[in-house]
Amino acid sequence: HVDMNMGPTLFLRGTHTKAAHAMLGACRTPSVAQSFLAASDVRAAVLRCGEASLYDRRLLHAGGRNSSWATRVLFYLTFRTAGTVGDPWNANSLRSELRGKLSLHQLRDRSAEALPMMRTPC
């Protein structure tokens, strides 16, 4: 699960468009960017065990700060059209020190180890 204390992903509705990205890109000062963000319709992805969040990755989003003592354990996938070459949107969010070093089996084992530390079990 991910509750508000665990820093859920925040989604800015309607920001998946080129126009929204251009508008944010045109923000030349922090105060203008803050105004853009303050005017946005922000939704938090608070999830219960077994729930999922599906979104267009062009949508502006950010993870919140985990202020709980529980480890935030998430698994996500990225899909793209077959044959896509040089995808500039693929930023690879797996921590660089882990990239290419963990198998899915090892990630599953690490997640299982973290589960007993959760405040409220699934």
Protein backbone atom coordinates (compact mmCIF):
# COMPACT_ATOMS: atom_id res chain seq x y z
CA HIS A 1 0.00 0.00 0.00
CA VAL A 2 0.97 3.64 -0.35
CA ASP A 3 -0.68 6.13 1.98
CA MET A 4 -0.24 9.90 2.17
CA ASN A 5 2.61 9.59 4.70
CA MET A 6 4.55 7.40 2.27
CA GLY A 7 4.73 10.11 -0.39
CA PRO A 8 2.43 8.80 -3.12
CA THR A 9 3.00 9.71 -6.75
CA LEU A 10 1.39 13.06 -7.55
CA PHE A 11 -0.21 13.45 -10.97
CA LEU A 12 -0.96 16.81 -12.60
CA ARG A 13 -4.12 16.20 -14.60
CA GLY A 14 -4.17 17.46 -18.18
CA THR A 15 -0.40 17.97 -18.40
CA HIS A 16 0.24 15.18 -20.90
CA THR A 17 -0.09 17.56 -23.84
CA LYS A 18 2.60 19.37 -25.83
CA ALA A 19 0.93 22.66 -24.89
CA ALA A 20 1.21 21.94 -21.15
CA HIS A 21 4.85 20.89 -21.51
CA ALA A 22 5.60 24.04 -23.52
CA MET A 23 3.87 26.17 -20.89
CA LEU A 24 5.95 24.65 -18.08
CA GLY A 25 9.10 24.90 -20.22
CA ALA A 26 8.42 28.61 -20.68
CA CYS A 27 8.53 29.19 -16.91
CA ARG A 28 11.77 31.15 -16.56
CA THR A 29 11.67 31.76 -12.82
CA PRO A 30 10.84 29.53 -9.86
CA SER A 31 7.89 31.75 -8.93
CA VAL A 32 6.32 31.33 -12.39
CA ALA A 33 6.85 27.56 -12.23
CA GLN A 34 5.31 27.50 -8.74
CA SER A 35 2.30 29.42 -10.06
CA PHE A 36 1.91 26.87 -12.86
CA LEU A 37 2.06 24.00 -10.37
CA ALA A 38 -0.30 25.73 -7.91
CA ALA A 39 -2.88 26.19 -10.68
CA SER A 40 -2.66 22.51 -11.68
CA ASP A 41 -5.20 19.85 -10.72
CA VAL A 42 -2.96 17.60 -8.60
CA ARG A 43 -4.08 14.11 -7.58
CA ALA A 44 -2.27 11.76 -5.20
CA ALA A 45 -2.09 8.06 -6.06
CA VAL A 46 -2.96 6.65 -2.64
CA LEU A 47 -3.12 2.90 -3.21
CA ARG A 48 -4.23 -0.11 -1.18
CA CYS A 49 -2.47 -3.46 -1.47
CA GLY A 50 -3.17 -4.97 -4.88
CA GLU A 51 -4.26 -1.71 -6.51
CA ALA A 52 -2.53 -0.25 -9.54
CA SER A 53 -2.09 3.11 -11.17
CA LEU A 54 -2.12 3.35 -14.97
CA TYR A 55 -1.15 6.60 -16.65
CA ASP A 56 0.35 8.17 -19.76
CA ARG A 57 3.98 8.84 -18.87
CA ARG A 58 3.82 12.21 -20.61
CA LEU A 59 1.64 13.31 -17.70
CA LEU A 60 3.70 15.43 -15.34
CA HIS A 61 4.14 13.47 -12.13
CA ALA A 62 6.45 13.24 -9.15
CA GLY A 63 6.96 11.05 -6.12
CA GLY A 64 6.27 12.66 -2.78
CA ARG A 65 8.54 12.57 0.27
CA ASN A 66 8.21 9.39 2.33
CA SER A 67 7.73 10.72 5.87
CA SER A 68 6.79 7.32 7.29
CA TRP A 69 9.17 4.72 8.65
CA ALA A 70 7.81 2.13 6.17
CA THR A 71 9.64 1.30 2.97
CA ARG A 72 7.65 2.23 -0.13
CA VAL A 73 7.75 -0.91 -2.29
CA LEU A 74 6.48 -0.45 -5.85
CA PHE A 75 6.66 -2.35 -9.10
CA TYR A 76 5.93 -0.72 -12.42
CA LEU A 77 6.18 -1.40 -16.12
CA THR A 78 6.63 0.82 -19.13
CA PHE A 79 5.09 -0.07 -22.47
CA ARG A 80 5.93 1.46 -25.81
CA THR A 81 5.03 0.85 -29.42
CA ALA A 82 7.02 -1.96 -31.04
CA GLY A 83 9.79 -0.62 -33.24
CA THR A 84 10.20 2.63 -31.31
CA VAL A 85 13.80 3.78 -31.63
CA GLY A 86 15.56 6.42 -29.56
CA ASP A 87 12.67 7.03 -27.19
CA PRO A 88 13.53 10.38 -25.52
CA TRP A 89 10.87 9.81 -22.84
CA ASN A 90 12.56 6.71 -21.45
CA ALA A 91 14.47 8.14 -18.50
CA ASN A 92 15.09 4.78 -16.78
CA SER A 93 13.97 5.32 -13.22
CA LEU A 94 15.75 2.30 -11.75
CA ARG A 95 18.55 3.57 -9.53
CA SER A 96 21.76 3.63 -11.56
CA GLU A 97 23.71 1.55 -9.03
CA LEU A 98 21.14 -1.26 -9.41
CA ARG A 99 20.67 -1.12 -13.19
CA GLY A 100 21.71 -4.39 -14.81
CA LYS A 101 22.54 -5.97 -11.47
CA LEU A 102 19.20 -7.31 -10.22
CA SER A 103 16.95 -9.92 -11.76
CA LEU A 104 13.16 -9.87 -11.37
CA HIS A 105 13.57 -12.81 -8.97
CA GLN A 106 15.99 -10.81 -6.79
CA LEU A 107 13.70 -7.78 -6.80
CA ARG A 108 10.82 -10.00 -5.70
CA ASP A 109 12.92 -11.36 -2.83
CA ARG A 110 13.90 -7.84 -1.74
CA SER A 111 10.24 -6.80 -1.78
CA ALA A 112 9.29 -9.81 0.34
CA GLU A 113 11.98 -8.87 2.87
CA ALA A 114 10.62 -5.32 3.09
CA LEU A 115 7.00 -6.36 3.66
CA PRO A 116 7.38 -7.29 7.37
CA MET A 117 8.61 -3.73 7.99
CA MET A 118 5.33 -2.26 6.78
CA ARG A 119 3.12 -0.74 9.45
CA THR A 120 -0.09 -2.20 8.06
CA PRO A 121 0.30 -5.54 6.31
CA CYS A 122 -1.69 -6.36 3.18
